[in-house]
Amino acid sequence: MLPDDRFYTENHFWLRLENDEITLGLTPRGADDLGELNFAELAQPGQTVQEGQSLGVVESVKSVQELLCPCDGTVVESNALVVQNPEIVNESPLERGWLLKIRPSQDFDGRALLSSEAYTQKWPQI
C-alpha cells in the first residue's frame, strides 16, 4: 500500500506537502514502468517555476519522462543523490529517491490529485 501522507498524479508522481514545501517523486509504478534509470536532470534551487513547466527529466533505456511542475513556486532543493545515482529512484522511489522540493507561491492543498487509495484502485501495485 502506498503512504497516505501524500498525493498522487495520473502520470505516476507523488507529492508530499510538509512545512510549506512540496516534495515530488516518482511512484513505484512510475519507476517500474520507466525501468532502471540511468540519467536525471533536475531544476536548480532558486529557480522560479510555473505549473506545467518542465522541472527536468529522468531517463532509462526504455524512455524519457519529463517532470512537470505541480504548481507555481520556487525550487528549494533538488536531490543530488538522484543526479549522481539515478537508479536510487528505482531502489527507493518513496523515500531516498525523491526528486525535488518546491515552495508553492500560493496555497496548495492537492484536492485535484489522487489519494493513495484512489491511485491504487486506478493502478494496482505491481
C-alpha atoms as a PDB file:
ATOM      1  CA  MET A   1       0.000   0.000   0.000  1.00  0.00           C
ATOM      2  CA  LEU A   2       1.183   3.489  -0.792  1.00  0.00           C
ATOM      3  CA  PRO A   3       1.685   6.019   2.027  1.00  0.00           C
ATOM      4  CA  ASP A   4      -1.378   8.111   2.919  1.00  0.00           C
ATOM      5  CA  ASP A   5       0.735  11.196   3.713  1.00  0.00           C
ATOM      6  CA  ARG A   6       0.972  12.272   0.074  1.00  0.00           C
ATOM      7  CA  PHE A   7      -0.988  12.880  -3.096  1.00  0.00           C
ATOM      8  CA  TYR A   8      -0.582  11.044  -6.406  1.00  0.00           C
ATOM      9  CA  THR A   9      -0.903  12.065 -10.048  1.00  0.00           C
ATOM     10  CA  GLU A  10      -2.215  10.156 -13.031  1.00  0.00           C
ATOM     11  CA  ASN A  11       1.262  10.262 -14.589  1.00  0.00           C
ATOM     12  CA  HIS A  12       2.750   8.362 -11.615  1.00  0.00           C
ATOM     13  CA  PHE A  13       4.235  11.066  -9.420  1.00  0.00           C
ATOM     14  CA  TRP A  14       3.723  11.552  -5.703  1.00  0.00           C
ATOM     15  CA  LEU A  15       3.653  14.868  -3.839  1.00  0.00           C
ATOM     16  CA  ARG A  16       4.020  15.324  -0.101  1.00  0.00           C
ATOM     17  CA  LEU A  17       3.237  18.677   1.490  1.00  0.00           C
ATOM     18  CA  GLU A  18       5.122  19.474   4.687  1.00  0.00           C
ATOM     19  CA  ASN A  19       6.408  22.704   6.197  1.00  0.00           C
ATOM     20  CA  ASP A  20       5.063  24.751   3.264  1.00  0.00           C
ATOM     21  CA  GLU A  21       7.111  22.705   0.775  1.00  0.00           C
ATOM     22  CA  ILE A  22       6.109  20.074  -1.744  1.00  0.00           C
ATOM     23  CA  THR A  23       8.403  17.083  -2.167  1.00  0.00           C
ATOM     24  CA  LEU A  24       7.983  15.454  -5.586  1.00  0.00           C
ATOM     25  CA  GLY A  25       8.944  11.924  -6.613  1.00  0.00           C
ATOM     26  CA  LEU A  26       8.029   9.001  -8.869  1.00  0.00           C
ATOM     27  CA  THR A  27       5.681   6.313  -7.592  1.00  0.00           C
ATOM     28  CA  PRO A  28       6.941   2.715  -7.533  1.00  0.00           C
ATOM     29  CA  ARG A  29       4.660   2.076 -10.538  1.00  0.00           C
ATOM     30  CA  GLY A  30       6.169   5.043 -12.412  1.00  0.00           C
ATOM     31  CA  ALA A  31       9.713   3.927 -11.632  1.00  0.00           C
ATOM     32  CA  ASP A  32       8.921   0.357 -12.681  1.00  0.00           C
ATOM     33  CA  ASP A  33       7.274   1.495 -15.926  1.00  0.00           C
ATOM     34  CA  LEU A  34      10.390   3.503 -16.836  1.00  0.00           C
ATOM     35  CA  GLY A  35      12.801   0.716 -15.973  1.00  0.00           C
ATOM     36  CA  GLU A  36      16.214   1.303 -14.434  1.00  0.00           C
ATOM     37  CA  LEU A  37      17.023   4.982 -14.594  1.00  0.00           C
ATOM     38  CA  ASN A  38      20.408   5.948 -15.994  1.00  0.00           C
ATOM     39  CA  PHE A  39      20.152   9.770 -16.153  1.00  0.00           C
ATOM     40  CA  ALA A  40      18.438  12.563 -14.242  1.00  0.00           C
ATOM     41  CA  GLU A  41      18.481  16.283 -14.877  1.00  0.00           C
ATOM     42  CA  LEU A  42      16.667  18.341 -12.243  1.00  0.00           C
ATOM     43  CA  ALA A  43      15.780  22.028 -11.880  1.00  0.00           C
ATOM     44  CA  GLN A  44      18.176  24.035  -9.734  1.00  0.00           C
ATOM     45  CA  PRO A  45      17.405  25.527  -6.308  1.00  0.00           C
ATOM     46  CA  GLY A  46      16.239  29.109  -6.550  1.00  0.00           C
ATOM     47  CA  GLN A  47      14.630  28.592  -9.940  1.00  0.00           C
ATOM     48  CA  THR A  48      11.164  30.135 -10.208  1.00  0.00           C
ATOM     49  CA  VAL A  49       8.722  27.713 -11.825  1.00  0.00           C
ATOM     50  CA  GLN A  50       5.145  27.708 -13.078  1.00  0.00           C
ATOM     51  CA  GLU A  51       2.539  24.969 -13.028  1.00  0.00           C
ATOM     52  CA  GLY A  52       3.030  22.675 -16.019  1.00  0.00           C
ATOM     53  CA  GLN A  53       6.603  23.854 -16.658  1.00  0.00           C
ATOM     54  CA  SER A  54       9.361  21.276 -17.041  1.00  0.00           C
ATOM     55  CA  LEU A  55      11.415  20.637 -13.903  1.00  0.00           C
ATOM     56  CA  GLY A  56      13.806  18.315 -15.696  1.00  0.00           C
ATOM     57  CA  VAL A  57      13.842  14.770 -16.999  1.00  0.00           C
ATOM     58  CA  VAL A  58      14.633  11.244 -15.896  1.00  0.00           C
ATOM     59  CA  GLU A  59      15.777   8.736 -18.486  1.00  0.00           C
ATOM     60  CA  SER A  60      16.074   4.990 -18.764  1.00  0.00           C
ATOM     61  CA  VAL A  61      16.945   2.672 -21.607  1.00  0.00           C
ATOM     62  CA  LYS A  62      13.177   2.361 -22.227  1.00  0.00           C
ATOM     63  CA  SER A  63      12.118   6.014 -22.265  1.00  0.00           C
ATOM     64  CA  VAL A  64      12.357   9.592 -21.064  1.00  0.00           C
ATOM     65  CA  GLN A  65       9.950  11.077 -18.510  1.00  0.00           C
ATOM     66  CA  GLU A  66       9.607  14.836 -18.285  1.00  0.00           C
ATOM     67  CA  LEU A  67       8.965  16.166 -14.781  1.00  0.00           C
ATOM     68  CA  LEU A  68       6.144  18.704 -14.804  1.00  0.00           C
ATOM     69  CA  CYS A  69       5.713  21.255 -12.057  1.00  0.00           C
ATOM     70  CA  PRO A  70       2.533  20.773  -9.990  1.00  0.00           C
ATOM     71  CA  CYS A  71       2.194  24.462  -9.042  1.00  0.00           C
ATOM     72  CA  ASP A  72       3.725  27.923  -9.306  1.00  0.00           C
ATOM     73  CA  GLY A  73       6.618  28.389  -6.902  1.00  0.00           C
ATOM     74  CA  THR A  74      10.354  28.193  -6.321  1.00  0.00           C
ATOM     75  CA  VAL A  75      12.607  25.140  -6.365  1.00  0.00           C
ATOM     76  CA  VAL A  76      14.041  24.779  -2.864  1.00  0.00           C
ATOM     77  CA  GLU A  77      16.152  21.660  -3.355  1.00  0.00           C
ATOM     78  CA  SER A  78      16.959  19.045  -5.961  1.00  0.00           C
ATOM     79  CA  ASN A  79      18.110  15.608  -4.868  1.00  0.00           C
ATOM     80  CA  ALA A  80      21.833  15.495  -5.709  1.00  0.00           C
ATOM     81  CA  LEU A  81      21.867  11.777  -4.871  1.00  0.00           C
ATOM     82  CA  VAL A  82      19.443  11.112  -7.741  1.00  0.00           C
ATOM     83  CA  VAL A  83      21.539  13.171 -10.187  1.00  0.00           C
ATOM     84  CA  GLN A  84      24.673  11.209  -9.194  1.00  0.00           C
ATOM     85  CA  ASN A  85      22.946   7.809  -8.935  1.00  0.00           C
ATOM     86  CA  PRO A  86      19.600   7.839 -10.805  1.00  0.00           C
ATOM     87  CA  GLU A  87      18.989   4.169 -10.012  1.00  0.00           C
ATOM     88  CA  ILE A  88      18.224   5.215  -6.409  1.00  0.00           C
ATOM     89  CA  VAL A  89      14.757   6.179  -7.710  1.00  0.00           C
ATOM     90  CA  ASN A  90      14.161   2.531  -8.649  1.00  0.00           C
ATOM     91  CA  GLU A  91      15.536   1.278  -5.327  1.00  0.00           C
ATOM     92  CA  SER A  92      13.698   3.748  -3.070  1.00  0.00           C
ATOM     93  CA  PRO A  93      11.113   5.791  -5.012  1.00  0.00           C
ATOM     94  CA  LEU A  94       9.091   6.802  -1.947  1.00  0.00           C
ATOM     95  CA  GLU A  95      11.977   7.792   0.313  1.00  0.00           C
ATOM     96  CA  ARG A  96      15.617   8.339  -0.749  1.00  0.00           C
ATOM     97  CA  GLY A  97      14.671   8.632  -4.447  1.00  0.00           C
ATOM     98  CA  TRP A  98      12.629  11.843  -4.114  1.00  0.00           C
ATOM     99  CA  LEU A  99      13.371  14.311  -6.911  1.00  0.00           C
ATOM    100  CA  LEU A 100      12.640  17.928  -5.969  1.00  0.00           C
ATOM    101  CA  LYS A 101      11.317  20.184  -3.238  1.00  0.00           C
ATOM    102  CA  ILE A 102       9.244  23.201  -4.249  1.00  0.00           C
ATOM    103  CA  ARG A 103       7.886  26.090  -2.184  1.00  0.00           C
ATOM    104  CA  PRO A 104       4.495  26.974  -3.688  1.00  0.00           C
ATOM    105  CA  SER A 105       3.816  30.662  -4.278  1.00  0.00           C
ATOM    106  CA  GLN A 106       0.145  30.112  -3.321  1.00  0.00           C
ATOM    107  CA  ASP A 107      -1.674  27.731  -1.013  1.00  0.00           C
ATOM    108  CA  PHE A 108      -1.513  24.184  -2.333  1.00  0.00           C
ATOM    109  CA  ASP A 109      -3.979  21.644  -0.982  1.00  0.00           C
ATOM    110  CA  GLY A 110      -3.723  18.799  -3.500  1.00  0.00           C
ATOM    111  CA  ARG A 111      -7.509  18.454  -3.853  1.00  0.00           C
ATOM    112  CA  ALA A 112      -7.224  17.933  -7.614  1.00  0.00           C
ATOM    113  CA  LEU A 113      -4.850  14.989  -7.104  1.00  0.00           C
ATOM    114  CA  LEU A 114      -5.443  11.376  -6.137  1.00  0.00           C
ATOM    115  CA  SER A 115      -5.336   9.859  -2.653  1.00  0.00           C
ATOM    116  CA  SER A 116      -3.261   6.719  -2.148  1.00  0.00           C
ATOM    117  CA  GLU A 117      -6.467   4.669  -2.223  1.00  0.00           C
ATOM    118  CA  ALA A 118      -7.732   6.249  -5.457  1.00  0.00           C
ATOM    119  CA  TYR A 119      -4.325   5.855  -7.128  1.00  0.00           C
ATOM    120  CA  THR A 120      -4.066   2.187  -6.072  1.00  0.00           C
ATOM    121  CA  GLN A 121      -7.569   1.458  -7.325  1.00  0.00           C
ATOM    122  CA  LYS A 122      -6.757   3.018 -10.685  1.00  0.00           C
ATOM    123  CA  TRP A 123      -3.306   1.388 -10.981  1.00  0.00           C
ATOM    124  CA  PRO A 124      -2.955  -1.677  -8.747  1.00  0.00           C
ATOM    125  CA  GLN A 125       0.568  -2.008  -7.413  1.00  0.00           C
ATOM    126  CA  ILE A 126       2.895  -4.347  -9.218  1.00  0.00           C
END
